[in-house]
Protein backbone atom coordinates (compact mmCIF):
# COMPACT_ATOMS: atom_id res chain seq x y z
CA MET A 1 2.15 -2.60 -19.22
CA THR A 2 2.31 -2.24 -15.44
CA ILE A 3 4.46 0.64 -14.24
CA PRO A 4 7.07 -0.27 -11.60
CA VAL A 5 6.05 0.89 -8.12
CA THR A 6 9.04 3.22 -7.76
CA THR A 7 8.31 4.86 -11.12
CA LEU A 8 4.64 5.31 -10.26
CA HIS A 9 5.59 6.81 -6.91
CA THR A 10 7.77 9.40 -8.67
CA ARG A 11 5.11 10.27 -11.25
CA LEU A 12 2.39 10.62 -8.64
CA ALA A 13 4.52 12.87 -6.46
CA ALA A 14 5.07 15.15 -9.46
CA CYS A 15 1.38 15.30 -10.47
CA ARG A 16 0.01 18.83 -10.95
CA ILE A 17 -3.17 18.17 -12.94
CA CYS A 18 -5.31 19.99 -10.36
CA THR A 19 -3.28 23.22 -10.19
CA ASP A 20 -6.05 25.39 -11.66
CA ARG A 21 -8.77 23.53 -9.76
CA PHE A 22 -7.08 24.08 -6.38
CA ALA A 23 -6.23 27.70 -7.15
CA ALA A 24 -9.95 28.33 -7.56
CA THR A 25 -10.89 26.94 -4.12
CA HIS A 26 -11.34 29.01 -0.97
CA THR A 27 -7.91 27.83 0.20
CA ALA A 28 -6.24 28.70 -3.14
CA HIS A 29 -3.54 26.13 -2.44
CA ALA A 30 -1.08 24.33 -4.70
CA PRO A 31 -1.13 20.57 -5.34
CA ARG A 32 0.89 18.46 -2.92
CA PRO A 33 0.37 14.73 -3.54
CA ILE A 34 0.81 12.66 -0.38
CA VAL A 35 2.27 9.43 -1.78
CA TRP A 36 2.75 6.64 0.76
CA PHE A 37 3.47 3.19 -0.62
CA GLN A 38 6.33 0.82 -1.39
CA PRO A 39 6.55 -2.68 -2.84
CA GLY A 40 5.70 -5.60 -0.59
CA MET A 41 3.05 -4.01 1.64
CA ARG A 42 0.74 -6.28 3.66
CA ILE A 43 -2.12 -3.81 4.19
CA ARG A 44 -3.49 -1.23 1.78
CA ILE A 45 -5.67 1.59 3.10
CA ILE A 46 -7.84 3.30 0.51
CA GLY A 47 -9.30 6.47 1.96
CA GLN A 48 -10.89 9.68 0.74
CA ALA A 49 -8.36 12.52 0.47
CA PRO A 50 -5.86 14.29 2.73
CA GLY A 51 -7.12 17.09 4.95
CA MET A 52 -5.45 20.43 5.60
CA ARG A 53 -3.32 19.13 8.47
CA VAL A 54 -2.00 16.30 6.30
CA TYR A 55 -1.40 18.77 3.46
CA LEU A 56 0.82 20.77 5.79
CA SER A 57 2.68 17.85 7.34
CA GLY A 58 2.99 15.60 4.29
CA VAL A 59 2.10 12.57 6.45
CA PRO A 60 -1.19 10.70 5.76
CA PHE A 61 -3.71 10.44 8.60
CA ASP A 62 -1.56 12.74 10.72
CA ASP A 63 -4.65 14.03 12.50
CA PRO A 64 -7.38 12.91 14.95
CA SER A 65 -8.95 10.76 12.23
CA GLY A 66 -5.66 8.92 11.98
CA ASP A 67 -5.57 8.44 15.74
CA ARG A 68 -8.98 6.78 15.58
CA LEU A 69 -8.07 4.63 12.57
CA ARG A 70 -4.91 3.42 14.32
CA ASP A 71 -7.01 2.56 17.36
CA TRP A 72 -9.42 0.59 15.19
CA MET A 73 -6.49 -1.34 13.74
CA GLY A 74 -4.70 -1.84 17.05
CA PHE A 75 -1.60 -0.10 15.63
CA ASP A 76 0.81 2.41 17.12
CA ARG A 77 2.28 5.13 14.90
CA ASP A 78 5.46 3.17 14.11
CA GLN A 79 3.47 0.19 12.86
CA PHE A 80 1.06 2.35 10.91
CA TYR A 81 3.76 4.38 9.17
CA ASP A 82 5.94 1.44 8.16
CA ARG A 83 5.72 1.89 4.39
CA THR A 84 7.15 -1.58 3.77
CA ARG A 85 4.03 -3.00 5.46
CA VAL A 86 1.25 -0.41 5.04
CA ALA A 87 0.31 1.47 1.85
CA ILE A 88 -2.04 4.46 1.97
CA THR A 89 -3.65 5.28 -1.36
CA PRO A 90 -6.59 7.70 -1.13
CA MET A 91 -9.13 8.49 -3.81
CA ALA A 92 -7.38 11.83 -4.23
CA PHE A 93 -3.70 12.16 -3.31
CA CYS A 94 -3.93 15.90 -2.69
CA PHE A 95 -5.96 17.99 -0.24
CA PRO A 96 -9.02 19.05 -2.30
CA GLY A 97 -9.42 22.36 -0.43
CA TYR A 98 -12.32 24.13 1.26
CA ASP A 99 -15.38 25.76 -0.22
CA ALA A 100 -16.52 29.27 0.72
CA LYS A 101 -18.10 27.88 3.93
CA THR A 102 -14.76 26.25 4.86
CA SER A 103 -16.21 22.77 4.35
CA ASP A 104 -14.05 20.04 2.82
CA LEU A 105 -14.48 19.67 -0.92
CA PRO A 106 -14.93 16.11 -2.25
CA PRO A 107 -12.01 14.25 -3.84
CA PRO A 108 -11.68 15.43 -7.47
CA LYS A 109 -12.79 12.59 -9.74
CA ILE A 110 -9.94 13.30 -12.14
CA CYS A 111 -7.46 11.96 -9.58
CA ALA A 112 -9.01 8.50 -9.38
CA LYS A 113 -9.60 8.43 -13.14
CA THR A 114 -5.94 9.24 -13.73
CA TRP A 115 -4.23 7.19 -11.04
CA ALA A 116 -6.46 4.52 -9.44
CA GLY A 117 -6.02 1.94 -12.18
CA GLN A 118 -2.26 2.46 -12.31
CA VAL A 119 -1.97 2.14 -8.54
CA ASN A 120 -4.09 -1.02 -8.52
CA ASP A 121 -1.94 -2.57 -11.24
CA ALA A 122 1.35 -1.62 -9.62
CA LEU A 123 0.47 -2.68 -6.07
CA GLY A 124 -1.48 -5.82 -6.96
CA THR A 125 -3.71 -7.47 -4.37
CA PRO A 126 -2.36 -7.33 -0.81
CA PRO A 127 -3.53 -9.75 1.89
CA LEU A 128 -5.73 -7.03 3.40
CA THR A 129 -7.35 -3.88 2.04
CA LEU A 130 -9.27 -1.36 4.14
CA ILE A 131 -11.71 0.76 2.14
CA VAL A 132 -12.51 3.84 4.17
CA GLY A 133 -15.52 6.05 3.48
CA GLY A 134 -18.27 6.24 0.90
CA TYR A 135 -16.30 7.65 -2.05
CA ALA A 136 -13.73 4.87 -1.86
CA GLN A 137 -16.36 2.17 -1.34
CA LYS A 138 -18.41 3.21 -4.35
CA TRP A 139 -15.33 3.31 -6.57
CA HIS A 140 -13.50 0.18 -5.43
CA LEU A 141 -16.40 -2.04 -4.42
CA GLY A 142 -18.79 -0.86 -7.13
CA VAL A 143 -21.58 -0.45 -4.58
CA LYS A 144 -24.40 2.07 -4.77
CA THR A 145 -25.35 1.73 -1.12
CA GLY A 146 -24.58 4.22 1.63
CA VAL A 147 -21.79 3.73 4.14
CA THR A 148 -23.99 2.17 6.83
CA GLU A 149 -25.35 -0.53 4.53
CA THR A 150 -21.98 -1.17 2.90
CA VAL A 151 -20.12 -1.49 6.20
CA SER A 152 -22.89 -3.58 7.77
CA HIS A 153 -22.29 -6.16 5.03
CA TRP A 154 -18.58 -6.36 5.81
CA ARG A 155 -18.67 -10.16 6.07
CA ALA A 156 -19.38 -10.35 2.34
CA HIS A 157 -15.92 -8.86 1.69
CA ALA A 158 -13.87 -10.24 4.59
CA PRO A 159 -11.26 -11.50 5.25
CA HIS A 160 -9.37 -9.82 2.41
CA VAL A 161 -11.32 -6.53 2.31
CA PHE A 162 -12.93 -4.57 5.14
CA PRO A 163 -15.12 -1.52 4.38
CA LEU A 164 -14.95 1.05 7.17
CA PRO A 165 -16.68 4.36 7.91
CA HIS A 166 -14.49 7.42 7.83
CA PRO A 167 -12.71 7.67 11.20
CA SER A 168 -13.60 11.35 11.56
CA TRP A 169 -14.76 12.37 15.02
CA ARG A 170 -17.90 13.63 13.27
CA ASN A 171 -18.86 9.96 13.00
CA THR A 172 -18.90 9.38 16.76
CA GLY A 173 -22.71 9.43 16.69
CA TRP A 174 -22.71 6.85 13.89
CA ILE A 175 -20.54 4.50 15.95
CA LYS A 176 -22.88 4.83 18.94
CA LYS A 177 -25.90 4.07 16.75
CA ASN A 178 -24.21 1.00 15.26
CA PRO A 179 -22.72 -0.94 18.21
CA TRP A 180 -22.06 -3.98 15.98
CA PHE A 181 -19.18 -2.02 14.44
CA GLU A 182 -17.10 -2.09 17.63
CA GLU A 183 -18.49 -5.37 18.93
CA GLU A 184 -18.20 -7.48 15.78
CA LEU A 185 -16.31 -5.84 12.93
CA LEU A 186 -13.34 -4.39 14.82
CA PRO A 187 -12.40 -7.64 16.62
CA ALA A 188 -12.52 -9.48 13.28
CA LEU A 189 -10.43 -6.75 11.67
CA ARG A 190 -7.76 -6.88 14.38
CA THR A 191 -7.61 -10.66 14.13
CA ARG A 192 -7.07 -10.42 10.38
CA ILE A 193 -4.41 -7.73 10.81
CA ALA A 194 -2.53 -9.99 13.23
CA GLU A 195 -2.66 -12.78 10.64
CA VAL A 196 -1.35 -10.73 7.72
CA MET A 197 1.37 -8.98 9.72
CA THR A 198 3.07 -12.17 10.94
């Protein structure tokens, strides 16, 4: 039976299944699920996992990656953070932590195994879904290809789904090497966003 969205939101916010896992990371932090969805959304963003800055603020994509993603979408902060219109459901709802070299750890698989199906069932299929980054694309699209190949075949998923690279500034070189992303994909994405937001 599908769980009501409000009930799922409450259960996710209370999740502590990774308490021991996070305590063992270099950051030794406690779980803090960043839950950002309501019924009736028009766009669902499926990303990787919150970073440290988001962990501290409690606001998804509240960082330079978020600035770039909003630019890709043609959104200002008010539009992006309207929970009645935009849902943000990452592969892991908590910051995974850093390893000993202070590099980001990957999203714990237990999070998606526990929650992804329930979130999919509760939210249904919105008019537009953005699948951001390799972890999310492999899980939700069932692909085995890398990000470049997956995103380059975006037309196979449009107009209802758009795979995107992670908007991290570390991917600036990738964007320069793949000019079709800004010249072809982003205009199509913004057109679709305008359609679903009317």
